[in-house]
């Protein structure tokens, strides 16, 4: 029998944060990087529940999904299991121009804007929390050696897989929640920050299947339990590749560009959260006292702030400059990493363009303040449902204007289609539905 030509899967991260695409023979990869594989506009309306929301495209139109060879992953496990091969790419029209609903292209546009208005480039990484299905093993769990040891084999296989995927390994740890773990990777530059997040999620799922396990990145499994967050770490590099995030004389150590960027993120956070926490159950997690995010505040060593200045471990100015970064905490894995990061960067760029002053670092429990006191201090409660988040997004002309004209109405229609599936479910049923997807 003739030897089979292995298949490689060309992928996009869609509006639901699902990795979709098409496979073709590996021998055709060079050709497909030029001519792509066929794609259909209505595919963008496939919700996370695999039904098509009302589409403006119908059966019309043709697009191309163009693989980017720099993202190729060949994941080979230690036994005779098939090699997993996939490559991320961009959706274009037939002439090769970026499609307005391609999440990866939307991020590239935001990164270009950051370079233009701030003179800096992005260095960043996503932190991910996830949970295993099944009963909780015996013994102490939260942050324990026992809990780590019970998943050591998984963690070592995962770290090997991430290394094969081109990621810089950082940590694998037992988290606080039931069967909950966290995996982190080192920082990357530009669009690769989001590429790494997509690769990490898929390699984690593949590793779980290899070990006969099932994992979920769902925002929250149990209304009474802990959530699974995505924390997006960001810092800046100047034109020479030197750190540009920290200034010893700046407020809370922020450079001028960092201060205005963070101020922009906070100003527009309630209108971009529909893109960074985009599921119906995301808002069960985004409540006070869940070590999550509920207000548009900047914190220092505060894990309930929406944006947090992360600690550094040195008193050497050069090392501080390299370590200093901030993290966006109002996100989860129901969001496409490309779309979430694009929204955050655009908000920050708006802050730079508008020369917003540095935000004040909060030092109090904002949930104890009255609405009038919050308003006087410039803080708002973040949306408490996806419906509310979509209203604030759709109603903010500045935010919608950051994206191609077609994007906002299509995104809102997509999410309303998703909401229609869970409309008659209670909280527990909704959590179960999203757990099955993510």
Protein backbone atom coordinates (compact mmCIF):
# COMPACT_ATOMS: atom_id res chain seq x y z
CA UNK A 1 0.00 0.00 0.00
CA UNK A 2 1.25 3.47 -0.87
CA UNK A 3 2.42 5.45 2.16
CA UNK A 4 -0.23 7.95 3.28
CA UNK A 5 0.58 11.62 2.87
CA UNK A 6 0.05 13.14 6.35
CA UNK A 7 -2.58 15.83 6.74
CA UNK A 8 -2.08 19.32 8.16
CA UNK A 9 -4.96 21.45 9.44
CA UNK A 10 -5.04 25.13 8.43
CA UNK A 11 -6.84 27.05 11.18
CA UNK A 12 -8.43 30.33 12.14
CA UNK A 13 -9.64 31.40 15.57
CA UNK A 14 -13.18 32.59 14.93
CA UNK A 15 -15.54 35.02 16.66
CA UNK A 16 -16.46 32.31 19.18
CA UNK A 17 -12.83 31.59 19.98
CA UNK A 18 -13.14 28.20 18.30
CA UNK A 19 -10.28 26.95 16.13
CA UNK A 20 -11.81 26.02 12.77
CA UNK A 21 -10.41 25.36 9.32
CA UNK A 22 -9.59 22.67 6.77
CA UNK A 23 -7.01 19.91 6.38
CA UNK A 24 -4.97 19.07 3.30
CA UNK A 25 -1.93 16.90 2.50
CA UNK A 26 1.25 18.10 4.16
CA UNK A 27 3.03 17.82 0.80
CA UNK A 28 0.80 20.67 -0.44
CA UNK A 29 1.69 23.12 2.35
CA UNK A 30 4.05 25.24 0.26
CA UNK A 31 1.40 25.59 -2.41
CA UNK A 32 -1.38 26.31 0.09
CA UNK A 33 0.68 29.08 1.69
CA UNK A 34 0.38 30.88 -1.64
CA UNK A 35 -3.14 30.03 -2.79
CA UNK A 36 -4.76 29.08 0.52
CA UNK A 37 -7.80 26.88 1.03
CA UNK A 38 -11.35 27.91 0.28
CA UNK A 39 -13.44 29.51 3.01
CA UNK A 40 -17.00 30.83 3.20
CA UNK A 41 -18.17 34.15 4.72
CA UNK A 42 -21.13 32.55 6.51
CA UNK A 43 -18.68 30.38 8.49
CA UNK A 44 -18.11 33.44 10.67
CA UNK A 45 -21.68 33.09 11.94
CA UNK A 46 -21.13 29.58 13.36
CA UNK A 47 -21.59 30.06 17.10
CA UNK A 48 -19.77 28.13 19.79
CA UNK A 49 -22.77 25.78 19.85
CA UNK A 50 -22.23 24.90 16.18
CA UNK A 51 -25.37 26.49 14.81
CA UNK A 52 -25.36 29.33 12.30
CA UNK A 53 -26.70 32.63 13.60
CA UNK A 54 -28.74 34.71 11.13
CA UNK A 55 -26.18 35.54 8.47
CA UNK A 56 -25.91 38.58 6.22
CA UNK A 57 -23.97 36.44 3.75
CA UNK A 58 -26.24 33.49 3.13
CA UNK A 59 -24.71 31.13 0.60
CA UNK A 60 -22.84 33.90 -1.21
CA UNK A 61 -19.16 34.73 -1.35
CA UNK A 62 -15.75 33.09 -1.38
CA UNK A 63 -12.69 33.67 0.77
CA UNK A 64 -9.26 32.12 1.31
CA UNK A 65 -7.63 30.83 4.48
CA UNK A 66 -3.89 31.39 4.00
CA UNK A 67 -1.59 29.36 6.31
CA UNK A 68 1.34 31.13 7.98
CA UNK A 69 4.27 28.70 8.10
CA UNK A 70 5.77 30.46 11.13
CA UNK A 71 2.90 29.09 13.25
CA UNK A 72 3.17 25.44 12.17
CA UNK A 73 2.90 22.87 14.97
CA UNK A 74 4.04 19.24 14.66
CA UNK A 75 3.05 17.56 17.90
CA UNK A 76 4.57 14.12 18.29
CA UNK A 77 3.76 12.16 21.44
CA UNK A 78 6.12 9.55 22.80
CA UNK A 79 4.26 6.48 21.53
CA UNK A 80 2.68 5.43 18.23
CA UNK A 81 -0.07 8.06 18.34
CA UNK A 82 -0.58 10.04 15.11
CA UNK A 83 1.38 13.26 14.81
CA UNK A 84 -0.90 16.26 15.29
CA UNK A 85 -0.19 18.92 12.68
CA UNK A 86 -1.83 22.32 12.39
CA UNK A 87 -0.95 25.80 11.21
CA UNK A 88 -2.64 29.12 11.89
CA UNK A 89 -3.43 31.63 9.19
CA UNK A 90 -5.30 34.65 7.88
CA UNK A 91 -8.60 34.91 6.03
CA UNK A 92 -8.41 37.03 2.87
CA UNK A 93 -10.52 37.83 -0.14
CA UNK A 94 -9.66 36.19 -3.45
CA UNK A 95 -7.20 38.98 -4.24
CA UNK A 96 -5.31 38.41 -0.98
CA UNK A 97 -6.59 41.46 0.95
CA UNK A 98 -7.40 40.90 4.65
CA UNK A 99 -11.05 40.07 5.27
CA UNK A 100 -12.84 42.44 7.65
CA UNK A 101 -13.91 39.59 9.96
CA UNK A 102 -10.54 37.80 10.17
CA UNK A 103 -9.59 38.00 13.84
CA UNK A 104 -5.86 37.61 13.17
CA UNK A 105 -5.93 40.44 10.62
CA UNK A 106 -7.87 42.63 13.08
CA UNK A 107 -5.07 42.14 15.60
CA UNK A 108 -2.42 43.00 13.02
CA UNK A 109 -4.24 46.27 12.32
CA UNK A 110 -4.33 47.09 16.03
CA UNK A 111 -0.62 46.36 16.37
CA UNK A 112 0.09 48.66 13.42
CA UNK A 113 -1.89 51.39 15.17
CA UNK A 114 0.12 50.90 18.37
CA UNK A 115 3.34 51.38 16.43
CA UNK A 116 1.99 54.49 14.72
CA UNK A 117 0.54 56.30 17.76
CA UNK A 118 2.87 55.06 20.49
CA UNK A 119 6.10 54.26 18.66
CA UNK A 120 6.22 50.94 20.48
CA UNK A 121 5.64 47.26 19.79
CA UNK A 122 3.99 44.67 21.99
CA UNK A 123 5.64 42.03 24.16
CA UNK A 124 3.14 39.82 25.92
CA UNK A 125 1.74 36.47 26.99
CA UNK A 126 -1.57 34.87 27.97
CA UNK A 127 -2.03 32.94 31.23
CA UNK A 128 -4.65 30.17 31.08
CA UNK A 129 -6.60 28.29 33.74
CA UNK A 130 -8.42 25.05 32.92
CA UNK A 131 -10.05 22.12 34.69
CA UNK A 132 -10.11 18.36 34.27
CA UNK A 133 -13.37 16.45 34.11
CA UNK A 134 -14.00 13.70 36.64
CA UNK A 135 -13.88 13.27 40.38
CA UNK A 136 -11.39 15.22 42.48
CA UNK A 137 -8.55 12.88 43.52
CA UNK A 138 -7.94 12.30 47.23
CA UNK A 139 -5.70 14.44 49.40
CA UNK A 140 -5.04 18.18 49.62
CA UNK A 141 -5.49 19.98 46.30
CA UNK A 142 -5.22 23.77 46.11
CA UNK A 143 -1.62 24.70 45.18
CA UNK A 144 -0.47 21.42 46.74
CA UNK A 145 2.38 19.09 45.84
CA UNK A 146 -0.17 16.28 46.04
CA UNK A 147 -2.37 17.93 43.40
CA UNK A 148 0.61 18.61 41.16
CA UNK A 149 1.98 15.09 41.52
CA UNK A 150 -1.38 13.60 40.51
CA UNK A 151 -1.05 15.40 37.15
CA UNK A 152 2.73 15.42 36.80
CA UNK A 153 2.71 13.05 33.79
CA UNK A 154 0.15 15.24 32.05
CA UNK A 155 2.10 18.41 32.87
CA UNK A 156 5.38 17.02 31.54
CA UNK A 157 3.74 15.83 28.33
CA UNK A 158 2.07 19.22 27.95
CA UNK A 159 5.31 21.12 28.45
CA UNK A 160 6.99 18.94 25.84
CA UNK A 161 4.11 19.59 23.44
CA UNK A 162 4.27 23.35 23.96
CA UNK A 163 8.00 23.25 23.32
CA UNK A 164 7.31 21.42 20.05
CA UNK A 165 4.78 24.14 19.26
CA UNK A 166 7.43 26.84 19.53
CA UNK A 167 6.38 28.25 22.90
CA UNK A 168 8.75 29.13 25.72
CA UNK A 169 7.68 27.04 28.72
CA UNK A 170 7.10 28.84 32.00
CA UNK A 171 4.95 27.15 34.68
CA UNK A 172 2.45 24.35 35.24
CA UNK A 173 0.69 24.44 38.59
CA UNK A 174 -2.23 23.12 40.59
CA UNK A 175 -4.68 25.99 41.01
CA UNK A 176 -7.18 26.55 43.81
CA UNK A 177 -10.34 25.23 42.14
CA UNK A 178 -11.55 21.66 41.83
CA UNK A 179 -9.35 19.85 39.30
CA UNK A 180 -8.10 23.27 38.21
CA UNK A 181 -4.62 23.90 36.82
CA UNK A 182 -2.79 26.82 35.27
CA UNK A 183 -0.26 26.79 32.45
CA UNK A 184 1.82 29.78 31.39
CA UNK A 185 4.34 30.47 28.67
CA UNK A 186 7.04 33.05 28.18
CA UNK A 187 6.44 36.30 26.30
CA UNK A 188 6.36 36.71 22.54
CA UNK A 189 6.18 39.69 20.22
CA UNK A 190 3.32 41.09 18.17
CA UNK A 191 0.76 38.76 16.64
CA UNK A 192 2.71 35.77 17.96
CA UNK A 193 1.37 36.63 21.46
CA UNK A 194 -2.10 35.54 20.35
CA UNK A 195 -0.79 32.73 18.13
CA UNK A 196 0.80 31.24 21.24
CA UNK A 197 -2.50 31.41 23.12
CA UNK A 198 -4.33 29.49 20.40
CA UNK A 199 -1.54 26.92 20.19
CA UNK A 200 -1.50 26.48 23.98
CA UNK A 201 -5.24 25.82 24.17
CA UNK A 202 -5.19 23.26 21.37
CA UNK A 203 -2.03 21.50 22.55
CA UNK A 204 -3.53 21.25 26.05
CA UNK A 205 -6.67 19.62 24.66
CA UNK A 206 -4.62 17.25 22.50
CA UNK A 207 -2.45 16.31 25.47
CA UNK A 208 -5.55 15.58 27.52
CA UNK A 209 -6.93 13.27 24.83
CA UNK A 210 -3.56 11.52 24.64
CA UNK A 211 -3.80 10.85 28.39
CA UNK A 212 -7.42 9.71 28.18
CA UNK A 213 -8.62 12.88 29.89
CA UNK A 214 -10.97 15.76 29.09
CA UNK A 215 -10.17 19.36 30.00
CA UNK A 216 -12.22 22.53 29.78
CA UNK A 217 -11.21 26.19 29.57
CA UNK A 218 -14.81 27.30 30.14
CA UNK A 219 -15.17 30.63 31.99
CA UNK A 220 -16.95 28.90 34.88
CA UNK A 221 -18.19 25.33 35.43
CA UNK A 222 -20.32 25.88 38.51
CA UNK A 223 -22.17 29.10 39.44
CA UNK A 224 -20.99 28.57 43.03
CA UNK A 225 -17.43 27.60 42.08
CA UNK A 226 -14.30 29.33 40.88
CA UNK A 227 -13.86 30.53 37.32
CA UNK A 228 -11.19 29.96 34.71
CA UNK A 229 -9.68 33.27 33.75
CA UNK A 230 -7.32 34.38 31.02
CA UNK A 231 -4.82 36.99 32.12
CA UNK A 232 -3.15 38.92 29.33
CA UNK A 233 0.29 40.29 30.22
CA UNK A 234 1.59 43.22 28.19
CA UNK A 235 4.67 45.39 28.00
CA UNK A 236 6.26 47.55 25.31
CA UNK A 237 9.48 47.73 23.34
CA UNK A 238 10.79 50.84 21.63
CA UNK A 239 12.14 50.99 18.09
CA UNK A 240 15.49 49.64 19.22
CA UNK A 241 13.91 46.70 21.06
CA UNK A 242 14.56 48.21 24.50
CA UNK A 243 11.91 48.06 27.29
CA UNK A 244 9.57 51.05 27.15
CA UNK A 245 6.94 50.23 29.79
CA UNK A 246 8.65 51.41 32.98
CA UNK A 247 9.84 54.82 34.12
CA UNK A 248 11.29 55.17 37.61
CA UNK A 249 9.86 58.68 37.85
CA UNK A 250 6.46 57.82 36.37
CA UNK A 251 3.27 57.27 38.37
CA UNK A 252 3.45 53.76 39.87
CA UNK A 253 6.45 53.22 37.60
CA UNK A 254 4.53 53.69 34.36
CA UNK A 255 6.19 55.35 31.39
CA UNK A 256 4.20 58.06 29.64
CA UNK A 257 3.07 55.70 26.87
CA UNK A 258 2.12 53.01 29.40
CA UNK A 259 0.14 55.44 31.55
CA UNK A 260 -1.97 56.73 28.66
CA UNK A 261 -2.39 53.22 27.26
CA UNK A 262 -3.70 51.83 30.55
CA UNK A 263 -5.94 54.87 30.99
CA UNK A 264 -7.48 54.16 27.59
CA UNK A 265 -8.05 50.51 28.45
CA UNK A 266 -9.83 51.51 31.66
CA UNK A 267 -11.90 54.21 29.96
CA UNK A 268 -13.25 51.84 27.33
CA UNK A 269 -13.19 48.60 29.32
CA UNK A 270 -16.95 48.40 29.86
CA UNK A 271 -17.41 48.68 26.08
CA UNK A 272 -14.76 46.15 25.03
CA UNK A 273 -15.57 43.46 27.56
CA UNK A 274 -18.11 41.98 25.12
CA UNK A 275 -15.02 41.01 23.08
CA UNK A 276 -12.79 39.83 25.93
CA UNK A 277 -15.37 37.99 28.07
CA UNK A 278 -17.91 37.05 25.42
CA UNK A 279 -20.01 34.20 26.83
CA UNK A 280 -23.28 34.20 28.73
CA UNK A 281 -21.51 32.65 31.74
CA UNK A 282 -18.49 34.97 31.69
CA UNK A 283 -20.35 37.40 33.90
CA UNK A 284 -20.88 34.87 36.68
CA UNK A 285 -17.11 35.05 37.14
CA UNK A 286 -16.74 38.81 36.80
CA UNK A 287 -18.15 39.64 40.22
CA UNK A 288 -16.57 41.09 43.37
CA UNK A 289 -14.60 38.79 45.68
CA UNK A 290 -13.98 36.08 43.07
CA UNK A 291 -10.38 37.21 42.48
CA UNK A 292 -11.64 38.35 39.12
CA UNK A 293 -12.64 41.80 37.84
CA UNK A 294 -15.79 43.84 38.43
CA UNK A 295 -14.77 47.50 37.96
CA UNK A 296 -12.63 49.48 35.54
CA UNK A 297 -9.77 49.96 37.97
CA UNK A 298 -5.99 49.72 37.99
CA UNK A 299 -4.49 47.78 40.89
CA UNK A 300 -1.02 47.14 42.24
CA UNK A 301 -0.62 43.64 43.67
CA UNK A 302 -4.42 43.44 43.61
CA UNK A 303 -5.91 40.36 41.94
CA UNK A 304 -9.39 41.84 41.83
CA UNK A 305 -8.38 44.76 39.62
CA UNK A 306 -9.31 44.67 35.94
CA UNK A 307 -5.81 45.81 35.08
CA UNK A 308 -2.96 45.01 37.46
CA UNK A 309 0.60 46.25 37.64
CA UNK A 310 2.59 43.09 38.21
CA UNK A 311 5.35 42.89 40.83
CA UNK A 312 9.03 42.84 39.94
CA UNK A 313 11.71 40.82 41.71
CA UNK A 314 14.73 43.10 41.48
CA UNK A 315 15.99 46.50 42.54
CA UNK A 316 18.28 46.76 39.51
CA UNK A 317 16.80 49.40 37.16
CA UNK A 318 17.72 47.42 34.03
CA UNK A 319 16.07 44.28 35.36
CA UNK A 320 13.02 46.21 36.55
CA UNK A 321 12.61 47.70 33.09
CA UNK A 322 12.63 44.21 31.55
CA UNK A 323 10.28 42.70 34.13
CA UNK A 324 7.76 45.53 34.49
CA UNK A 325 4.42 44.69 32.88
CA UNK A 326 0.70 44.96 33.44
CA UNK A 327 -2.03 42.37 33.01
CA UNK A 328 -5.59 42.62 31.74
CA UNK A 329 -7.75 40.33 33.89
CA UNK A 330 -11.29 40.74 32.51
CA UNK A 331 -10.92 38.00 29.88
CA UNK A 332 -11.57 34.31 29.43
CA UNK A 333 -11.09 31.56 26.86
CA UNK A 334 -14.48 32.04 25.23
CA UNK A 335 -12.74 34.91 23.44
CA UNK A 336 -10.52 34.57 20.42
CA UNK A 337 -7.06 35.64 21.64
CA UNK A 338 -6.69 37.76 18.51
CA UNK A 339 -9.94 39.62 19.04
CA UNK A 340 -9.45 40.12 22.78
CA UNK A 341 -5.95 41.50 22.29
CA UNK A 342 -7.03 43.71 19.37
CA UNK A 343 -9.76 45.31 21.49
CA UNK A 344 -7.37 45.98 24.39
CA UNK A 345 -4.71 47.46 22.11
CA UNK A 346 -7.18 49.72 20.33
CA UNK A 347 -8.47 50.99 23.68
CA UNK A 348 -4.92 51.69 24.80
CA UNK A 349 -4.10 53.42 21.52
CA UNK A 350 -7.12 55.67 21.98
CA UNK A 351 -5.74 56.61 25.37
CA UNK A 352 -2.37 57.45 23.80
CA UNK A 353 -3.98 59.50 21.03
CA UNK A 354 -6.12 61.40 23.54
CA UNK A 355 -3.13 61.89 25.87
CA UNK A 356 -5.11 60.57 28.83
CA UNK A 357 -3.44 61.12 32.21
CA UNK A 358 -2.18 58.25 34.30
CA UNK A 359 -4.94 56.46 36.20
CA UNK A 360 -4.90 56.29 39.99
CA UNK A 361 -4.06 52.94 41.54
CA UNK A 362 -6.91 51.75 43.73
CA UNK A 363 -6.24 50.76 47.32
CA UNK A 364 -9.75 49.83 48.47
CA UNK A 365 -12.60 47.38 47.98
CA UNK A 366 -14.69 49.12 45.34
CA UNK A 367 -17.68 46.88 46.01
CA UNK A 368 -18.16 48.70 49.33
CA UNK A 369 -18.56 52.09 47.67
CA UNK A 370 -21.91 53.60 46.69
CA UNK A 371 -22.67 54.21 43.00
CA UNK A 372 -22.33 57.96 43.54
CA UNK A 373 -18.92 57.56 45.19
CA UNK A 374 -17.77 55.24 42.41
CA UNK A 375 -18.89 57.74 39.78
CA UNK A 376 -17.13 60.59 41.57
CA UNK A 377 -13.90 58.57 41.52
CA UNK A 378 -14.35 57.70 37.84
CA UNK A 379 -15.16 54.01 38.28
CA UNK A 380 -18.00 52.04 36.74
CA UNK A 381 -19.36 48.59 37.47
CA UNK A 382 -18.60 46.41 34.49
CA UNK A 383 -21.56 44.85 32.62
CA UNK A 384 -23.20 42.04 34.53
CA UNK A 385 -24.47 40.09 31.52
CA UNK A 386 -23.44 39.49 27.93
CA UNK A 387 -26.60 41.28 26.80
CA UNK A 388 -25.55 44.40 28.72
CA UNK A 389 -21.98 44.11 27.45
CA UNK A 390 -23.18 43.94 23.84
CA UNK A 391 -25.35 47.03 24.38
CA UNK A 392 -22.39 49.01 25.68
CA UNK A 393 -20.17 47.80 22.81
CA UNK A 394 -22.75 48.51 20.12
CA UNK A 395 -23.59 51.88 21.66
CA UNK A 396 -20.01 53.14 21.78
CA UNK A 397 -19.29 54.69 18.40
CA UNK A 398 -15.63 55.22 19.24
CA UNK A 399 -15.09 51.54 20.01
CA UNK A 400 -17.04 50.31 16.98
CA UNK A 401 -15.06 52.74 14.85
CA UNK A 402 -11.80 50.97 15.64
CA UNK A 403 -12.94 48.06 13.50
CA UNK A 404 -14.08 47.75 9.89
CA UNK A 405 -17.66 48.95 9.37
CA UNK A 406 -18.95 45.43 8.87
CA UNK A 407 -17.51 44.07 12.11
CA UNK A 408 -19.75 45.39 14.90
CA UNK A 409 -23.15 44.39 13.45
CA UNK A 410 -21.86 40.95 12.48
CA UNK A 411 -20.29 40.36 15.89
CA UNK A 412 -23.44 41.41 17.74
CA UNK A 413 -25.61 39.22 15.51
CA UNK A 414 -23.26 36.29 16.11
CA UNK A 415 -23.45 36.71 19.89
CA UNK A 416 -27.21 37.15 19.88
CA UNK A 417 -27.42 33.90 17.95
CA UNK A 418 -25.34 32.26 20.69
CA UNK A 419 -27.56 33.73 23.40
CA UNK A 420 -30.66 32.34 21.71
CA UNK A 421 -29.38 28.82 22.36
CA UNK A 422 -29.09 29.33 26.14
CA UNK A 423 -31.98 31.77 26.58
CA UNK A 424 -34.23 29.33 28.45
CA UNK A 425 -31.49 27.64 30.50
CA UNK A 426 -30.81 28.28 34.17
CA UNK A 427 -27.30 29.16 35.35
CA UNK A 428 -26.23 25.57 35.96
CA UNK A 429 -27.48 24.46 32.55
CA UNK A 430 -25.68 27.34 30.88
CA UNK A 431 -22.45 26.44 32.63
CA UNK A 432 -22.79 22.84 31.47
CA UNK A 433 -23.45 23.95 27.90
CA UNK A 434 -20.31 26.11 27.75
CA UNK A 435 -18.22 23.50 29.53
CA UNK A 436 -19.06 21.04 26.77
CA UNK A 437 -17.74 23.53 24.17
CA UNK A 438 -14.63 25.05 25.73
